[in-house]
């Protein structure tokens, strides 16, 4: 629930209609990655495990898009276990 007040604040200017897209967070590991999709209100839409290889990377994007318009990906370990996925 968003509560607004007469004075303008950052939070009072946010409306449900202005929240667009989902965010996908990826927890990376040596052999697999775990992705979680959340809506703009932070509700989990789903999670899945993908192999940490080219085939797994190709499966992750369509899985994410099946949950809605993707606003952003947040990938842990972009310089290590997540480097292949980031590329």
N, C-alpha and C. Protein backbone atom coordinates (compact mmCIF):
# COMPACT_ATOMS: atom_id res chain seq x y z
N UNK A 1 0.84 -1.17 0.00
CA UNK A 1 0.00 0.00 0.00
C UNK A 1 0.89 1.23 0.00
N UNK A 2 0.56 2.19 -0.84
CA UNK A 2 1.30 3.44 -0.91
C UNK A 2 0.48 4.52 -0.23
N UNK A 3 1.10 5.17 0.73
CA UNK A 3 0.43 6.24 1.45
C UNK A 3 1.01 7.56 0.95
N UNK A 4 0.14 8.46 0.56
CA UNK A 4 0.61 9.77 0.10
C UNK A 4 0.24 10.83 1.11
N UNK A 5 1.02 11.88 1.11
CA UNK A 5 0.74 13.00 1.99
C UNK A 5 0.72 14.26 1.14
N UNK A 6 0.22 15.37 1.68
CA UNK A 6 0.16 16.60 0.90
C UNK A 6 1.53 17.06 0.41
N UNK A 7 2.59 16.82 1.20
CA UNK A 7 3.90 17.25 0.73
C UNK A 7 4.48 16.20 -0.21
N UNK A 8 5.18 16.63 -1.20
CA UNK A 8 5.72 15.75 -2.24
C UNK A 8 7.00 15.09 -1.74
N UNK A 9 7.01 13.77 -1.72
CA UNK A 9 8.22 13.02 -1.39
C UNK A 9 8.44 12.00 -2.49
N UNK A 10 9.61 11.39 -2.50
CA UNK A 10 9.91 10.38 -3.53
C UNK A 10 8.91 9.24 -3.46
N UNK A 11 8.61 8.77 -2.27
CA UNK A 11 7.69 7.64 -2.13
C UNK A 11 6.25 8.02 -2.49
N UNK A 12 5.84 9.24 -2.20
CA UNK A 12 4.46 9.61 -2.49
C UNK A 12 4.22 9.78 -3.98
N UNK A 13 5.30 9.94 -4.76
CA UNK A 13 5.12 10.12 -6.20
C UNK A 13 5.07 8.79 -6.94
N UNK A 14 5.35 7.68 -6.25
CA UNK A 14 5.31 6.37 -6.89
C UNK A 14 3.89 5.84 -6.84
N UNK A 15 3.40 5.45 -7.99
CA UNK A 15 2.08 4.83 -8.05
C UNK A 15 2.22 3.44 -8.63
N UNK A 16 1.23 2.61 -8.42
CA UNK A 16 1.26 1.25 -8.96
C UNK A 16 1.42 1.28 -10.47
N UNK A 17 0.80 2.23 -11.15
CA UNK A 17 0.88 2.32 -12.60
C UNK A 17 2.29 2.67 -13.09
N UNK A 18 3.10 3.31 -12.24
CA UNK A 18 4.43 3.69 -12.67
C UNK A 18 5.44 2.56 -12.47
N UNK A 19 5.04 1.48 -11.82
CA UNK A 19 5.93 0.35 -11.58
C UNK A 19 5.81 -0.61 -12.75
N UNK A 20 6.85 -0.70 -13.55
CA UNK A 20 6.80 -1.50 -14.76
C UNK A 20 7.95 -2.49 -14.78
N UNK A 21 7.67 -3.70 -15.19
CA UNK A 21 8.70 -4.68 -15.40
C UNK A 21 9.04 -5.50 -14.18
N UNK A 22 9.79 -6.55 -14.44
CA UNK A 22 10.24 -7.43 -13.37
C UNK A 22 11.75 -7.35 -13.26
N UNK A 23 12.27 -7.80 -12.13
CA UNK A 23 13.70 -7.88 -11.92
C UNK A 23 14.04 -9.34 -11.70
N UNK A 24 15.11 -9.78 -12.35
CA UNK A 24 15.56 -11.16 -12.21
C UNK A 24 16.94 -11.14 -11.55
N UNK A 25 17.02 -11.76 -10.39
CA UNK A 25 18.28 -11.89 -9.69
C UNK A 25 18.85 -13.27 -9.93
N UNK A 26 20.16 -13.35 -10.15
CA UNK A 26 20.80 -14.63 -10.42
C UNK A 26 21.93 -14.86 -9.43
N UNK A 27 21.82 -15.97 -8.67
CA UNK A 27 22.84 -16.41 -7.74
C UNK A 27 23.71 -17.41 -8.50
N UNK A 28 24.96 -17.06 -8.75
CA UNK A 28 25.81 -17.89 -9.61
C UNK A 28 26.68 -18.85 -8.80
N UNK A 29 26.89 -20.01 -9.36
CA UNK A 29 27.73 -21.06 -8.78
C UNK A 29 28.57 -21.67 -9.90
N UNK A 30 29.52 -22.49 -9.55
CA UNK A 30 30.41 -23.08 -10.55
C UNK A 30 29.66 -23.91 -11.59
N UNK A 31 28.75 -24.77 -11.15
CA UNK A 31 28.08 -25.71 -12.06
C UNK A 31 26.65 -25.33 -12.44
N UNK A 32 26.05 -24.43 -11.68
CA UNK A 32 24.67 -24.03 -11.95
C UNK A 32 24.42 -22.62 -11.44
N UNK A 33 23.36 -22.01 -11.94
CA UNK A 33 22.92 -20.70 -11.48
C UNK A 33 21.45 -20.81 -11.07
N UNK A 34 21.06 -20.05 -10.06
CA UNK A 34 19.67 -20.02 -9.62
C UNK A 34 19.13 -18.61 -9.86
N UNK A 35 18.04 -18.54 -10.60
CA UNK A 35 17.42 -17.25 -10.93
C UNK A 35 16.09 -17.12 -10.20
N UNK A 36 15.78 -15.91 -9.77
CA UNK A 36 14.50 -15.61 -9.14
C UNK A 36 13.94 -14.36 -9.80
N UNK A 37 12.67 -14.43 -10.18
CA UNK A 37 12.00 -13.28 -10.80
C UNK A 37 11.06 -12.66 -9.78
N UNK A 38 11.12 -11.33 -9.67
CA UNK A 38 10.24 -10.60 -8.75
C UNK A 38 9.57 -9.47 -9.50
N UNK A 39 8.33 -9.19 -9.09
CA UNK A 39 7.62 -8.07 -9.71
C UNK A 39 8.04 -6.77 -9.05
N UNK A 40 7.49 -5.67 -9.52
CA UNK A 40 7.88 -4.34 -9.04
C UNK A 40 7.56 -4.13 -7.56
N UNK A 41 6.70 -4.95 -7.00
CA UNK A 41 6.37 -4.84 -5.58
C UNK A 41 7.17 -5.83 -4.73
N UNK A 42 8.10 -6.56 -5.36
CA UNK A 42 8.95 -7.49 -4.63
C UNK A 42 8.37 -8.87 -4.44
N UNK A 43 7.25 -9.16 -5.07
CA UNK A 43 6.64 -10.48 -4.94
C UNK A 43 7.35 -11.46 -5.87
N UNK A 44 7.70 -12.64 -5.34
CA UNK A 44 8.37 -13.63 -6.17
C UNK A 44 7.40 -14.24 -7.18
N UNK A 45 7.82 -14.24 -8.42
CA UNK A 45 7.03 -14.80 -9.51
C UNK A 45 7.46 -16.21 -9.85
N UNK A 46 8.69 -16.55 -9.51
CA UNK A 46 9.20 -17.88 -9.78
C UNK A 46 10.69 -17.94 -9.60
N UNK A 47 11.21 -19.15 -9.50
CA UNK A 47 12.65 -19.35 -9.44
C UNK A 47 12.98 -20.65 -10.17
N UNK A 48 14.19 -20.72 -10.69
CA UNK A 48 14.60 -21.89 -11.46
C UNK A 48 16.12 -22.02 -11.41
N UNK A 49 16.56 -23.24 -11.67
CA UNK A 49 17.99 -23.56 -11.70
C UNK A 49 18.40 -23.85 -13.14
N UNK A 50 19.54 -23.29 -13.53
CA UNK A 50 20.04 -23.45 -14.90
C UNK A 50 21.48 -23.90 -14.85
N UNK A 51 21.87 -24.75 -15.79
CA UNK A 51 23.27 -25.16 -15.89
C UNK A 51 24.12 -23.94 -16.21
N UNK A 52 25.34 -23.92 -15.66
CA UNK A 52 26.27 -22.81 -15.91
C UNK A 52 27.06 -23.11 -17.18
N UNK A 53 26.36 -23.09 -18.29
CA UNK A 53 26.99 -23.29 -19.60
C UNK A 53 26.12 -22.58 -20.64
N UNK A 54 26.56 -22.62 -21.90
CA UNK A 54 25.85 -21.90 -22.96
C UNK A 54 24.39 -22.32 -23.07
N UNK A 55 24.11 -23.60 -22.93
CA UNK A 55 22.72 -24.07 -23.03
C UNK A 55 21.86 -23.50 -21.90
N UNK A 56 22.42 -23.47 -20.70
CA UNK A 56 21.69 -22.92 -19.56
C UNK A 56 21.45 -21.43 -19.71
N UNK A 57 22.45 -20.71 -20.22
CA UNK A 57 22.31 -19.26 -20.43
C UNK A 57 21.19 -18.98 -21.44
N UNK A 58 21.11 -19.80 -22.48
CA UNK A 58 20.08 -19.61 -23.50
C UNK A 58 18.68 -19.91 -22.97
N UNK A 59 18.57 -20.73 -21.95
CA UNK A 59 17.27 -21.05 -21.35
C UNK A 59 16.80 -19.97 -20.37
N UNK A 60 17.74 -19.28 -19.76
CA UNK A 60 17.39 -18.32 -18.71
C UNK A 60 16.58 -17.13 -19.23
N UNK A 61 16.98 -16.56 -20.34
CA UNK A 61 16.27 -15.37 -20.83
C UNK A 61 14.82 -15.65 -21.19
N UNK A 62 14.49 -16.69 -21.95
CA UNK A 62 13.08 -16.96 -22.24
C UNK A 62 12.28 -17.29 -20.96
N UNK A 63 12.93 -17.96 -20.01
CA UNK A 63 12.25 -18.24 -18.74
C UNK A 63 11.89 -16.92 -18.05
N UNK A 64 12.85 -16.00 -18.00
CA UNK A 64 12.60 -14.70 -17.36
C UNK A 64 11.48 -13.95 -18.07
N UNK A 65 11.52 -13.89 -19.38
CA UNK A 65 10.51 -13.16 -20.15
C UNK A 65 9.12 -13.77 -20.03
N UNK A 66 9.04 -15.04 -19.71
CA UNK A 66 7.74 -15.68 -19.52
C UNK A 66 7.01 -15.12 -18.30
N UNK A 67 7.75 -14.47 -17.39
CA UNK A 67 7.16 -13.88 -16.19
C UNK A 67 6.73 -12.43 -16.40
N UNK A 68 7.12 -11.82 -17.50
CA UNK A 68 6.74 -10.43 -17.77
C UNK A 68 7.88 -9.68 -18.42
N UNK A 69 7.66 -8.39 -18.62
CA UNK A 69 8.68 -7.53 -19.22
C UNK A 69 9.83 -7.38 -18.23
N UNK A 70 11.04 -7.70 -18.65
CA UNK A 70 12.20 -7.64 -17.77
C UNK A 70 12.76 -6.22 -17.76
N UNK A 71 12.76 -5.62 -16.57
CA UNK A 71 13.32 -4.27 -16.41
C UNK A 71 14.82 -4.35 -16.17
N UNK A 72 15.28 -5.40 -15.47
CA UNK A 72 16.70 -5.52 -15.15
C UNK A 72 17.05 -6.93 -14.71
N UNK A 73 18.31 -7.27 -14.94
CA UNK A 73 18.90 -8.49 -14.39
C UNK A 73 19.93 -8.05 -13.35
N UNK A 74 19.98 -8.74 -12.23
CA UNK A 74 21.01 -8.52 -11.22
C UNK A 74 21.76 -9.83 -11.10
N UNK A 75 23.03 -9.82 -11.49
CA UNK A 75 23.80 -11.05 -11.56
C UNK A 75 24.96 -10.98 -10.58
N UNK A 76 24.95 -11.91 -9.63
CA UNK A 76 26.02 -12.01 -8.65
C UNK A 76 27.27 -12.58 -9.32
N UNK A 77 28.42 -12.15 -8.89
CA UNK A 77 29.68 -12.72 -9.35
C UNK A 77 29.98 -12.49 -10.81
N UNK A 78 29.68 -11.29 -11.31
CA UNK A 78 29.89 -10.98 -12.73
C UNK A 78 31.35 -11.12 -13.14
N UNK A 79 32.26 -11.05 -12.20
CA UNK A 79 33.68 -11.20 -12.51
C UNK A 79 34.21 -12.59 -12.27
N UNK A 80 33.34 -13.50 -11.82
CA UNK A 80 33.80 -14.87 -11.56
C UNK A 80 32.79 -15.86 -12.13
N UNK A 81 32.03 -16.55 -11.28
CA UNK A 81 31.11 -17.58 -11.77
C UNK A 81 30.03 -17.03 -12.69
N UNK A 82 29.69 -15.77 -12.58
CA UNK A 82 28.66 -15.18 -13.44
C UNK A 82 29.19 -14.56 -14.72
N UNK A 83 30.50 -14.61 -14.93
CA UNK A 83 31.10 -13.94 -16.10
C UNK A 83 30.55 -14.46 -17.43
N UNK A 84 30.39 -15.76 -17.55
CA UNK A 84 29.87 -16.33 -18.80
C UNK A 84 28.45 -15.87 -19.06
N UNK A 85 27.65 -15.81 -18.04
CA UNK A 85 26.26 -15.37 -18.19
C UNK A 85 26.21 -13.89 -18.57
N UNK A 86 27.05 -13.08 -17.97
CA UNK A 86 27.06 -11.66 -18.29
C UNK A 86 27.46 -11.42 -19.75
N UNK A 87 28.42 -12.21 -20.23
CA UNK A 87 28.83 -12.06 -21.63
C UNK A 87 27.71 -12.43 -22.55
